[in-house]
PDB file of all heavy atoms in Angstrom:
ATOM      1  N   MET A   1       6.053  17.098  -3.958  1.00  0.00           N
ATOM      2  CA  MET A   1       5.345  17.870  -4.970  1.00  0.00           C
ATOM      3  C   MET A   1       6.005  17.718  -6.342  1.00  0.00           C
ATOM      4  O   MET A   1       5.324  17.507  -7.349  1.00  0.00           O
ATOM      5  CB  MET A   1       5.309  19.353  -4.569  1.00  0.00           C
ATOM      6  CG  MET A   1       4.427  20.187  -5.465  1.00  0.00           C
ATOM      7  SD  MET A   1       4.446  21.957  -5.080  1.00  0.00           S
ATOM      8  CE  MET A   1       4.220  22.001  -3.342  1.00  0.00           C
ATOM      9  N   LEU A   2       7.324  17.807  -6.385  1.00  0.00           N
ATOM     10  CA  LEU A   2       8.046  17.635  -7.648  1.00  0.00           C
ATOM     11  C   LEU A   2       7.854  16.230  -8.210  1.00  0.00           C
ATOM     12  O   LEU A   2       7.624  16.053  -9.412  1.00  0.00           O
ATOM     13  CB  LEU A   2       9.531  17.885  -7.448  1.00  0.00           C
ATOM     14  CG  LEU A   2      10.021  19.313  -7.490  1.00  0.00           C
ATOM     15  CD1 LEU A   2      11.506  19.358  -7.179  1.00  0.00           C
ATOM     16  CD2 LEU A   2       9.740  19.948  -8.818  1.00  0.00           C
ATOM     17  N   THR A   3       7.952  15.234  -7.354  1.00  0.00           N
ATOM     18  CA  THR A   3       7.840  13.852  -7.805  1.00  0.00           C
ATOM     19  C   THR A   3       6.446  13.547  -8.337  1.00  0.00           C
ATOM     20  O   THR A   3       6.305  12.943  -9.407  1.00  0.00           O
ATOM     21  CB  THR A   3       8.192  12.899  -6.650  1.00  0.00           C
ATOM     22  OG1 THR A   3       9.501  13.224  -6.169  1.00  0.00           O
ATOM     23  CG2 THR A   3       8.178  11.455  -7.093  1.00  0.00           C
ATOM     24  N   LEU A   4       5.422  13.962  -7.623  1.00  0.00           N
ATOM     25  CA  LEU A   4       4.059  13.674  -8.063  1.00  0.00           C
ATOM     26  C   LEU A   4       3.693  14.407  -9.348  1.00  0.00           C
ATOM     27  O   LEU A   4       3.067  13.833 -10.240  1.00  0.00           O
ATOM     28  CB  LEU A   4       3.066  14.010  -6.955  1.00  0.00           C
ATOM     29  CG  LEU A   4       3.102  13.106  -5.734  1.00  0.00           C
ATOM     30  CD1 LEU A   4       2.117  13.584  -4.680  1.00  0.00           C
ATOM     31  CD2 LEU A   4       2.818  11.675  -6.115  1.00  0.00           C
ATOM     32  N   ALA A   5       4.087  15.669  -9.457  1.00  0.00           N
ATOM     33  CA  ALA A   5       3.795  16.413 -10.687  1.00  0.00           C
ATOM     34  C   ALA A   5       4.544  15.818 -11.872  1.00  0.00           C
ATOM     35  O   ALA A   5       3.987  15.696 -12.969  1.00  0.00           O
ATOM     36  CB  ALA A   5       4.162  17.883 -10.510  1.00  0.00           C
ATOM     37  N   SER A   6       5.777  15.438 -11.657  1.00  0.00           N
ATOM     38  CA  SER A   6       6.553  14.834 -12.741  1.00  0.00           C
ATOM     39  C   SER A   6       5.981  13.485 -13.139  1.00  0.00           C
ATOM     40  O   SER A   6       5.926  13.152 -14.324  1.00  0.00           O
ATOM     41  CB  SER A   6       8.011  14.669 -12.321  1.00  0.00           C
ATOM     42  OG  SER A   6       8.574  15.925 -12.063  1.00  0.00           O
ATOM     43  N   PHE A   7       5.539  12.712 -12.168  1.00  0.00           N
ATOM     44  CA  PHE A   7       4.931  11.427 -12.473  1.00  0.00           C
ATOM     45  C   PHE A   7       3.643  11.605 -13.280  1.00  0.00           C
ATOM     46  O   PHE A   7       3.376  10.858 -14.220  1.00  0.00           O
ATOM     47  CB  PHE A   7       4.641  10.650 -11.186  1.00  0.00           C
ATOM     48  CG  PHE A   7       4.013   9.312 -11.421  1.00  0.00           C
ATOM     49  CD1 PHE A   7       4.755   8.272 -11.933  1.00  0.00           C
ATOM     50  CD2 PHE A   7       2.674   9.104 -11.162  1.00  0.00           C
ATOM     51  CE1 PHE A   7       4.178   7.030 -12.162  1.00  0.00           C
ATOM     52  CE2 PHE A   7       2.082   7.881 -11.392  1.00  0.00           C
ATOM     53  CZ  PHE A   7       2.837   6.836 -11.899  1.00  0.00           C
ATOM     54  N   TYR A   8       2.859  12.618 -12.930  1.00  0.00           N
ATOM     55  CA  TYR A   8       1.631  12.910 -13.669  1.00  0.00           C
ATOM     56  C   TYR A   8       1.945  13.232 -15.132  1.00  0.00           C
ATOM     57  O   TYR A   8       1.271  12.745 -16.047  1.00  0.00           O
ATOM     58  CB  TYR A   8       0.909  14.078 -12.994  1.00  0.00           C
ATOM     59  CG  TYR A   8      -0.264  14.620 -13.767  1.00  0.00           C
ATOM     60  CD1 TYR A   8      -1.447  13.911 -13.849  1.00  0.00           C
ATOM     61  CD2 TYR A   8      -0.199  15.852 -14.405  1.00  0.00           C
ATOM     62  CE1 TYR A   8      -2.535  14.400 -14.545  1.00  0.00           C
ATOM     63  CE2 TYR A   8      -1.268  16.349 -15.108  1.00  0.00           C
ATOM     64  CZ  TYR A   8      -2.438  15.622 -15.167  1.00  0.00           C
ATOM     65  OH  TYR A   8      -3.502  16.112 -15.879  1.00  0.00           O
ATOM     66  N   VAL A   9       2.975  14.028 -15.355  1.00  0.00           N
ATOM     67  CA  VAL A   9       3.354  14.394 -16.728  1.00  0.00           C
ATOM     68  C   VAL A   9       3.921  13.191 -17.469  1.00  0.00           C
ATOM     69  O   VAL A   9       3.582  12.952 -18.633  1.00  0.00           O
ATOM     70  CB  VAL A   9       4.345  15.575 -16.724  1.00  0.00           C
ATOM     71  CG1 VAL A   9       4.838  15.867 -18.123  1.00  0.00           C
ATOM     72  CG2 VAL A   9       3.701  16.806 -16.121  1.00  0.00           C
ATOM     73  N   VAL A  10       4.780  12.420 -16.822  1.00  0.00           N
ATOM     74  CA  VAL A  10       5.363  11.237 -17.470  1.00  0.00           C
ATOM     75  C   VAL A  10       4.268  10.256 -17.862  1.00  0.00           C
ATOM     76  O   VAL A  10       4.249   9.749 -18.992  1.00  0.00           O
ATOM     77  CB  VAL A  10       6.404  10.557 -16.547  1.00  0.00           C
ATOM     78  CG1 VAL A  10       6.773   9.184 -17.059  1.00  0.00           C
ATOM     79  CG2 VAL A  10       7.634  11.422 -16.410  1.00  0.00           C
ATOM     80  N   ARG A  11       3.353   9.990 -16.959  1.00  0.00           N
ATOM     81  CA  ARG A  11       2.268   9.054 -17.242  1.00  0.00           C
ATOM     82  C   ARG A  11       1.392   9.546 -18.395  1.00  0.00           C
ATOM     83  O   ARG A  11       1.033   8.785 -19.296  1.00  0.00           O
ATOM     84  CB  ARG A  11       1.417   8.857 -15.998  1.00  0.00           C
ATOM     85  CG  ARG A  11       0.435   7.709 -16.124  1.00  0.00           C
ATOM     86  CD  ARG A  11      -0.473   7.661 -14.959  1.00  0.00           C
ATOM     87  NE  ARG A  11      -1.238   8.914 -14.980  1.00  0.00           N
ATOM     88  CZ  ARG A  11      -2.144   9.229 -14.095  1.00  0.00           C
ATOM     89  NH1 ARG A  11      -2.380   8.450 -13.087  1.00  0.00           N
ATOM     90  NH2 ARG A  11      -2.806  10.364 -14.189  1.00  0.00           N
ATOM     91  N   GLY A  12       1.081  10.837 -18.398  1.00  0.00           N
ATOM     92  CA  GLY A  12       0.240  11.387 -19.457  1.00  0.00           C
ATOM     93  C   GLY A  12       0.936  11.412 -20.804  1.00  0.00           C
ATOM     94  O   GLY A  12       0.336  11.088 -21.834  1.00  0.00           O
ATOM     95  N   GLU A  13       2.213  11.799 -20.839  1.00  0.00           N
ATOM     96  CA  GLU A  13       2.940  11.871 -22.103  1.00  0.00           C
ATOM     97  C   GLU A  13       3.273  10.483 -22.630  1.00  0.00           C
ATOM     98  O   GLU A  13       3.383  10.284 -23.827  1.00  0.00           O
ATOM     99  CB  GLU A  13       4.218  12.690 -21.947  1.00  0.00           C
ATOM    100  CG  GLU A  13       3.995  14.176 -21.902  1.00  0.00           C
ATOM    101  CD  GLU A  13       3.380  14.722 -23.171  1.00  0.00           C
ATOM    102  OE1 GLU A  13       3.818  14.351 -24.272  1.00  0.00           O
ATOM    103  OE2 GLU A  13       2.445  15.530 -23.053  1.00  0.00           O
ATOM    104  N   TRP A  14       3.456   9.526 -21.749  1.00  0.00           N
ATOM    105  CA  TRP A  14       3.777   8.167 -22.182  1.00  0.00           C
ATOM    106  C   TRP A  14       2.602   7.534 -22.926  1.00  0.00           C
ATOM    107  O   TRP A  14       2.784   6.717 -23.815  1.00  0.00           O
ATOM    108  CB  TRP A  14       4.162   7.312 -20.978  1.00  0.00           C
ATOM    109  CG  TRP A  14       4.805   6.028 -21.370  1.00  0.00           C
ATOM    110  CD1 TRP A  14       4.198   4.810 -21.472  1.00  0.00           C
ATOM    111  CD2 TRP A  14       6.159   5.820 -21.742  1.00  0.00           C
ATOM    112  NE1 TRP A  14       5.102   3.872 -21.866  1.00  0.00           N
ATOM    113  CE2 TRP A  14       6.322   4.468 -22.037  1.00  0.00           C
ATOM    114  CE3 TRP A  14       7.263   6.662 -21.836  1.00  0.00           C
ATOM    115  CZ2 TRP A  14       7.529   3.930 -22.428  1.00  0.00           C
ATOM    116  CZ3 TRP A  14       8.468   6.123 -22.219  1.00  0.00           C
ATOM    117  CH2 TRP A  14       8.596   4.776 -22.510  1.00  0.00           C
ATOM    118  N   ARG A  15       1.386   7.917 -22.542  1.00  0.00           N
ATOM    119  CA  ARG A  15       0.185   7.359 -23.173  1.00  0.00           C
ATOM    120  C   ARG A  15      -0.047   7.900 -24.581  1.00  0.00           C
ATOM    121  O   ARG A  15      -0.766   7.294 -25.359  1.00  0.00           O
ATOM    122  CB  ARG A  15      -1.041   7.646 -22.329  1.00  0.00           C
ATOM    123  CG  ARG A  15      -1.048   6.861 -21.050  1.00  0.00           C
ATOM    124  CD  ARG A  15      -2.278   7.164 -20.250  1.00  0.00           C
ATOM    125  NE  ARG A  15      -2.257   6.412 -19.004  1.00  0.00           N
ATOM    126  CZ  ARG A  15      -3.097   6.618 -18.017  1.00  0.00           C
ATOM    127  NH1 ARG A  15      -4.008   7.553 -18.122  1.00  0.00           N
ATOM    128  NH2 ARG A  15      -3.017   5.903 -16.924  1.00  0.00           N
ATOM    129  N   VAL A  16       0.529   9.058 -24.896  1.00  0.00           N
ATOM    130  CA  VAL A  16       0.352   9.645 -26.223  1.00  0.00           C
ATOM    131  C   VAL A  16       1.182   8.838 -27.214  1.00  0.00           C
ATOM    132  O   VAL A  16       2.386   8.661 -27.030  1.00  0.00           O
ATOM    133  CB  VAL A  16       0.793  11.131 -26.231  1.00  0.00           C
ATOM    134  CG1 VAL A  16       0.695  11.710 -27.626  1.00  0.00           C
ATOM    135  CG2 VAL A  16      -0.032  11.933 -25.246  1.00  0.00           C
ATOM    136  N   LYS A  17       0.546   8.336 -28.239  1.00  0.00           N
ATOM    137  CA  LYS A  17       1.246   7.459 -29.199  1.00  0.00           C
ATOM    138  C   LYS A  17       2.187   8.253 -30.109  1.00  0.00           C
ATOM    139  O   LYS A  17       3.352   7.938 -30.210  1.00  0.00           O
ATOM    140  CB  LYS A  17       0.226   6.689 -30.047  1.00  0.00           C
ATOM    141  CG  LYS A  17      -0.643   5.763 -29.230  1.00  0.00           C
ATOM    142  CD  LYS A  17       0.188   4.688 -28.588  1.00  0.00           C
ATOM    143  CE  LYS A  17      -0.699   3.782 -27.754  1.00  0.00           C
ATOM    144  NZ  LYS A  17      -0.005   3.053 -26.766  1.00  0.00           N
ATOM    145  N   ALA A  18       1.672   9.254 -30.780  1.00  0.00           N
ATOM    146  CA  ALA A  18       2.499  10.047 -31.704  1.00  0.00           C
ATOM    147  C   ALA A  18       2.878  11.354 -31.016  1.00  0.00           C
ATOM    148  O   ALA A  18       2.077  12.281 -30.923  1.00  0.00           O
ATOM    149  CB  ALA A  18       1.732  10.328 -32.985  1.00  0.00           C
ATOM    150  N   ARG A  19       4.101  11.411 -30.483  1.00  0.00           N
ATOM    151  CA  ARG A  19       4.566  12.595 -29.772  1.00  0.00           C
ATOM    152  C   ARG A  19       5.400  13.459 -30.710  1.00  0.00           C
ATOM    153  O   ARG A  19       6.378  12.978 -31.292  1.00  0.00           O
ATOM    154  CB  ARG A  19       5.431  12.215 -28.579  1.00  0.00           C
ATOM    155  CG  ARG A  19       4.681  11.849 -27.347  1.00  0.00           C
ATOM    156  CD  ARG A  19       5.623  11.659 -26.172  1.00  0.00           C
ATOM    157  NE  ARG A  19       6.574  10.580 -26.386  1.00  0.00           N
ATOM    158  CZ  ARG A  19       6.319   9.306 -26.169  1.00  0.00           C
ATOM    159  NH1 ARG A  19       5.134   8.937 -25.760  1.00  0.00           N
ATOM    160  NH2 ARG A  19       7.239   8.399 -26.384  1.00  0.00           N
ATOM    161  N   PRO A  20       5.080  14.743 -30.821  1.00  0.00           N
ATOM    162  CA  PRO A  20       5.971  15.628 -31.566  1.00  0.00           C
ATOM    163  C   PRO A  20       7.222  15.912 -30.724  1.00  0.00           C
ATOM    164  O   PRO A  20       7.351  15.433 -29.589  1.00  0.00           O
ATOM    165  CB  PRO A  20       5.132  16.887 -31.773  1.00  0.00           C
ATOM    166  CG  PRO A  20       4.150  16.879 -30.665  1.00  0.00           C
ATOM    167  CD  PRO A  20       3.871  15.424 -30.374  1.00  0.00           C
ATOM    168  N   LEU A  21       8.117  16.687 -31.261  1.00  0.00           N
ATOM    169  CA  LEU A  21       9.372  16.996 -30.564  1.00  0.00           C
ATOM    170  C   LEU A  21       9.118  17.665 -29.215  1.00  0.00           C
ATOM    171  O   LEU A  21       9.801  17.372 -28.236  1.00  0.00           O
ATOM    172  CB  LEU A  21      10.252  17.884 -31.447  1.00  0.00           C
ATOM    173  CG  LEU A  21      11.630  18.212 -30.908  1.00  0.00           C
ATOM    174  CD1 LEU A  21      12.427  16.935 -30.680  1.00  0.00           C
ATOM    175  CD2 LEU A  21      12.361  19.132 -31.859  1.00  0.00           C
ATOM    176  N   VAL A  22       8.113  18.521 -29.157  1.00  0.00           N
ATOM    177  CA  VAL A  22       7.784  19.188 -27.895  1.00  0.00           C
ATOM    178  C   VAL A  22       7.369  18.155 -26.849  1.00  0.00           C
ATOM    179  O   VAL A  22       7.763  18.239 -25.682  1.00  0.00           O
ATOM    180  CB  VAL A  22       6.653  20.223 -28.123  1.00  0.00           C
ATOM    181  CG1 VAL A  22       6.174  20.790 -26.816  1.00  0.00           C
ATOM    182  CG2 VAL A  22       7.123  21.327 -29.037  1.00  0.00           C
ATOM    183  N   GLY A  23       6.588  17.163 -27.246  1.00  0.00           N
ATOM    184  CA  GLY A  23       6.174  16.115 -26.320  1.00  0.00           C
ATOM    185  C   GLY A  23       7.337  15.275 -25.847  1.00  0.00           C
ATOM    186  O   GLY A  23       7.397  14.873 -24.686  1.00  0.00           O
ATOM    187  N   GLN A  24       8.282  15.004 -26.737  1.00  0.00           N
ATOM    188  CA  GLN A  24       9.470  14.232 -26.341  1.00  0.00           C
ATOM    189  C   GLN A  24      10.324  15.017 -25.355  1.00  0.00           C
ATOM    190  O   GLN A  24      10.851  14.456 -24.392  1.00  0.00           O
ATOM    191  CB  GLN A  24      10.275  13.847 -27.572  1.00  0.00           C
ATOM    192  CG  GLN A  24       9.590  12.821 -28.426  1.00  0.00           C
ATOM    193  CD  GLN A  24      10.373  12.497 -29.687  1.00  0.00           C
ATOM    194  OE1 GLN A  24      11.403  13.097 -29.969  1.00  0.00           O
ATOM    195  NE2 GLN A  24       9.879  11.537 -30.451  1.00  0.00           N
ATOM    196  N   LYS A  25      10.453  16.321 -25.585  1.00  0.00           N
ATOM    197  CA  LYS A  25      11.227  17.151 -24.657  1.00  0.00           C
ATOM    198  C   LYS A  25      10.533  17.255 -23.303  1.00  0.00           C
ATOM    199  O   LYS A  25      11.186  17.217 -22.256  1.00  0.00           O
ATOM    200  CB  LYS A  25      11.430  18.544 -25.251  1.00  0.00           C
ATOM    201  CG  LYS A  25      12.400  18.576 -26.392  1.00  0.00           C
ATOM    202  CD  LYS A  25      12.575  19.980 -26.911  1.00  0.00           C
ATOM    203  CE  LYS A  25      13.573  20.009 -28.052  1.00  0.00           C
ATOM    204  NZ  LYS A  25      13.781  21.381 -28.535  1.00  0.00           N
ATOM    205  N   LEU A  26       9.216  17.378 -23.320  1.00  0.00           N
ATOM    206  CA  LEU A  26       8.454  17.421 -22.071  1.00  0.00           C
ATOM    207  C   LEU A  26       8.591  16.110 -21.313  1.00  0.00           C
ATOM    208  O   LEU A  26       8.783  16.098 -20.092  1.00  0.00           O
ATOM    209  CB  LEU A  26       6.986  17.725 -22.366  1.00  0.00           C
ATOM    210  CG  LEU A  26       6.041  17.795 -21.178  1.00  0.00           C
ATOM    211  CD1 LEU A  26       6.462  18.898 -20.225  1.00  0.00           C
ATOM    212  CD2 LEU A  26       4.618  18.016 -21.660  1.00  0.00           C
ATOM    213  N   LEU A  27       8.535  15.004 -22.026  1.00  0.00           N
ATOM    214  CA  LEU A  27       8.703  13.690 -21.404  1.00  0.00           C
ATOM    215  C   LEU A  27      10.097  13.545 -20.804  1.00  0.00           C
ATOM    216  O   LEU A  27      10.251  13.109 -19.660  1.00  0.00           O
ATOM    217  CB  LEU A  27       8.433  12.582 -22.424  1.00  0.00           C
ATOM    218  CG  LEU A  27       8.545  11.147 -21.933  1.00  0.00           C
ATOM    219  CD1 LEU A  27       7.536  10.875 -20.828  1.00  0.00           C
ATOM    220  CD2 LEU A  27       8.344  10.182 -23.085  1.00  0.00           C
ATOM    221  N   ALA A  28      11.119  13.941 -21.547  1.00  0.00           N
ATOM    222  CA  ALA A  28      12.496  13.840 -21.042  1.00  0.00           C
ATOM    223  C   ALA A  28      12.712  14.729 -19.818  1.00  0.00           C
ATOM    224  O   ALA A  28      13.305  14.299 -18.819  1.00  0.00           O
ATOM    225  CB  ALA A  28      13.477  14.208 -22.148  1.00  0.00           C
ATOM    226  N   ALA A  29      12.222  15.958 -19.867  1.00  0.00           N
ATOM    227  CA  ALA A  29      12.390  16.870 -18.735  1.00  0.00           C
ATOM    228  C   ALA A  29      11.652  16.366 -17.499  1.00  0.00           C
ATOM    229  O   ALA A  29      12.175  16.454 -16.374  1.00  0.00           O
ATOM    230  CB  ALA A  29      11.893  18.263 -19.115  1.00  0.00           C
ATOM    231  N   SER A  30      10.464  15.819 -17.694  1.00  0.00           N
ATOM    232  CA  SER A  30       9.705  15.340 -16.539  1.00  0.00           C
ATOM    233  C   SER A  30      10.303  14.063 -15.947  1.00  0.00           C
ATOM    234  O   SER A  30      10.253  13.862 -14.735  1.00  0.00           O
ATOM    235  CB  SER A  30       8.239  15.135 -16.902  1.00  0.00           C
ATOM    236  OG  SER A  30       8.111  14.253 -17.976  1.00  0.00           O
ATOM    237  N   VAL A  31      10.923  13.219 -16.774  1.00  0.00           N
ATOM    238  CA  VAL A  31      11.613  12.032 -16.246  1.00  0.00           C
ATOM    239  C   VAL A  31      12.814  12.462 -15.403  1.00  0.00           C
ATOM    240  O   VAL A  31      13.060  11.925 -14.315  1.00  0.00           O
ATOM    241  CB  VAL A  31      12.034  11.083 -17.385  1.00  0.00           C
ATOM    242  CG1 VAL A  31      13.024  10.051 -16.903  1.00  0.00           C
ATOM    243  CG2 VAL A  31      10.828  10.415 -17.984  1.00  0.00           C
ATOM    244  N   ILE A  32      13.564  13.451 -15.890  1.00  0.00           N
ATOM    245  CA  ILE A  32      14.715  13.960 -15.131  1.00  0.00           C
ATOM    246  C   ILE A  32      14.254  14.580 -13.817  1.00  0.00           C
ATOM    247  O   ILE A  32      14.841  14.346 -12.752  1.00  0.00           O
ATOM    248  CB  ILE A  32      15.501  14.967 -15.984  1.00  0.00           C
ATOM    249  CG1 ILE A  32      16.187  14.250 -17.148  1.00  0.00           C
ATOM    250  CG2 ILE A  32      16.523  15.728 -15.142  1.00  0.00           C
ATOM    251  CD1 ILE A  32      16.744  15.172 -18.202  1.00  0.00           C
ATOM    252  N   THR A  33      13.176  15.362 -13.853  1.00  0.00           N
ATOM    253  CA  THR A  33      12.659  15.986 -12.636  1.00  0.00           C
ATOM    254  C   THR A  33      12.099  14.944 -11.672  1.00  0.00           C
ATOM    255  O   THR A  33      12.204  15.104 -10.458  1.00  0.00           O
ATOM    256  CB  THR A  33      11.579  17.020 -12.993  1.00  0.00           C
ATOM    257  OG1 THR A  33      12.087  17.895 -13.995  1.00  0.00           O
ATOM    258  CG2 THR A  33      11.186  17.842 -11.797  1.00  0.00           C
ATOM    259  N   PHE A  34      11.516  13.884 -12.196  1.00  0.00           N
ATOM    260  CA  PHE A  34      11.029  12.794 -11.350  1.00  0.00           C
ATOM    261  C   PHE A  34      12.192  12.170 -10.577  1.00  0.00           C
ATOM    262  O   PHE A  34      12.104  11.968  -9.367  1.00  0.00           O
ATOM    263  CB  PHE A  34      10.314  11.747 -12.212  1.00  0.00           C
ATOM    264  CG  PHE A  34       9.778  10.583 -11.441  1.00  0.00           C
ATOM    265  CD1 PHE A  34       8.650  10.722 -10.654  1.00  0.00           C
ATOM    266  CD2 PHE A  34      10.392   9.346 -11.507  1.00  0.00           C
ATOM    267  CE1 PHE A  34       8.149   9.658  -9.937  1.00  0.00           C
ATOM    268  CE2 PHE A  34       9.894   8.269 -10.798  1.00  0.00           C
ATOM    269  CZ  PHE A  34       8.763   8.429 -10.008  1.00  0.00           C
ATOM    270  N   GLY A  35      13.281  11.889 -11.269  1.00  0.00           N
ATOM    271  CA  GLY A  35      14.468  11.347 -10.599  1.00  0.00           C
ATOM    272  C   GLY A  35      15.050  12.309  -9.582  1.00  0.00           C
ATOM    273  O   GLY A  35      15.479  11.909  -8.498  1.00  0.00           O
ATOM    274  N   PHE A  36      15.056  13.592  -9.924  1.00  0.00           N
ATOM    275  CA  PHE A  36      15.563  14.608  -9.002  1.00  0.00           C
ATOM    276  C   PHE A  36      14.690  14.693  -7.750  1.00  0.00           C
ATOM    277  O   PHE A  36      15.199  14.793  -6.630  1.00  0.00           O
ATOM    278  CB  PHE A  36      15.620  15.964  -9.716  1.00  0.00           C
ATOM    279  CG  PHE A  36      16.122  17.078  -8.874  1.00  0.00           C
ATOM    280  CD1 PHE A  36      17.446  17.125  -8.461  1.00  0.00           C
ATOM    281  CD2 PHE A  36      15.272  18.100  -8.490  1.00  0.00           C
ATOM    282  CE1 PHE A  36      17.911  18.165  -7.672  1.00  0.00           C
ATOM    283  CE2 PHE A  36      15.726  19.139  -7.713  1.00  0.00           C
ATOM    284  CZ  PHE A  36      17.042  19.173  -7.305  1.00  0.00           C
ATOM    285  N   GLY A  37      13.374  14.636  -7.934  1.00  0.00           N
ATOM    286  CA  GLY A  37      12.471  14.675  -6.781  1.00  0.00           C
ATOM    287  C   GLY A  37      12.644  13.473  -5.870  1.00  0.00           C
ATOM    288  O   GLY A  37      12.640  13.600  -4.645  1.00  0.00           O
ATOM    289  N   LEU A  38      12.822  12.295  -6.475  1.00  0.00           N
ATOM    290  CA  LEU A  38      13.063  11.096  -5.669  1.00  0.00           C
ATOM    291  C   LEU A  38      14.381  11.196  -4.903  1.00  0.00           C
ATOM    292  O   LEU A  38      14.461  10.779  -3.744  1.00  0.00           O
ATOM    293  CB  LEU A  38      13.059   9.854  -6.553  1.00  0.00           C
ATOM    294  CG  LEU A  38      11.699   9.385  -7.054  1.00  0.00           C
ATOM    295  CD1 LEU A  38      11.875   8.174  -7.958  1.00  0.00           C
ATOM    296  CD2 LEU A  38      10.783   9.058  -5.898  1.00  0.00           C
ATOM    297  N   SER A  39      15.405  11.737  -5.539  1.00  0.00           N
ATOM    298  CA  SER A  39      16.694  11.868  -4.846  1.00  0.00           C
ATOM    299  C   SER A  39      16.620  12.907  -3.728  1.00  0.00           C
ATOM    300  O   SER A  39      17.247  12.732  -2.681  1.00  0.00           O
ATOM    301  CB  SER A  39      17.804  12.203  -5.835  1.00  0.00           C
ATOM    302  OG  SER A  39      17.600  13.475  -6.407  1.00  0.00           O
ATOM    303  N   LEU A  40      15.864  13.978  -3.931  1.00  0.00           N
ATOM    304  CA  LEU A  40      15.667  14.952  -2.849  1.00  0.00           C
ATOM    305  C   LEU A  40      14.947  14.313  -1.663  1.00  0.00           C
ATOM    306  O   LEU A  40      15.315  14.538  -0.509  1.00  0.00           O
ATOM    307  CB  LEU A  40      14.841  16.139  -3.343  1.00  0.00           C
ATOM    308  CG  LEU A  40      15.537  17.226  -4.122  1.00  0.00           C
ATOM    309  CD1 LEU A  40      14.515  18.257  -4.587  1.00  0.00           C
ATOM    310  CD2 LEU A  40      16.608  17.889  -3.307  1.00  0.00           C
ATOM    311  N   LEU A  41      13.942  13.533  -1.966  1.00  0.00           N
ATOM    312  CA  LEU A  41      13.193  12.852  -0.912  1.00  0.00           C
ATOM    313  C   LEU A  41      14.081  11.872  -0.146  1.00  0.00           C
ATOM    314  O   LEU A  41      14.086  11.849   1.090  1.00  0.00           O
ATOM    315  CB  LEU A  41      11.988  12.133  -1.515  1.00  0.00           C
ATOM    316  CG  LEU A  41      11.016  11.477  -0.568  1.00  0.00           C
ATOM    317  CD1 LEU A  41      10.389  12.515   0.353  1.00  0.00           C
ATOM    318  CD2 LEU A  41       9.931  10.765  -1.346  1.00  0.00           C
ATOM    319  N   ALA A  42      14.851  11.089  -0.874  1.00  0.00           N
ATOM    320  CA  ALA A  42      15.756  10.127  -0.220  1.00  0.00           C
ATOM    321  C   ALA A  42      16.817  10.847   0.605  1.00  0.00           C
ATOM    322  O   ALA A  42      17.146  10.419   1.722  1.00  0.00           O
ATOM    323  CB  ALA A  42      16.412   9.243  -1.272  1.00  0.00           C
ATOM    324  N   GLY A  43      17.344  11.939   0.084  1.00  0.00           N
ATOM    325  CA  GLY A  43      18.352  12.701   0.825  1.00  0.00           C
ATOM    326  C   GLY A  43      17.804  13.311   2.094  1.00  0.00           C
ATOM    327  O   GLY A  43      18.472  13.317   3.150  1.00  0.00           O
ATOM    328  N   ALA A  44      16.585  13.845   2.034  1.00  0.00           N
ATOM    329  CA  ALA A  44      15.984  14.439   3.224  1.00  0.00           C
ATOM    330  C   ALA A  44      15.709  13.377   4.280  1.00  0.00           C
ATOM    331  O   ALA A  44      15.962  13.592   5.476  1.00  0.00           O
ATOM    332  CB  ALA A  44      14.703  15.155   2.846  1.00  0.00           C
TER     333      ALA A  44
END
């Protein structure tokens, strides 16, 4: 669930050409959460 939701946000924010600071922070947080979700999955 974490990985898929984060991937959805990363994909959507990456497509936006002009990102304000809020968009950059959302993109950074979702990339970190995507990595965390993948590591949880691999660990389990």
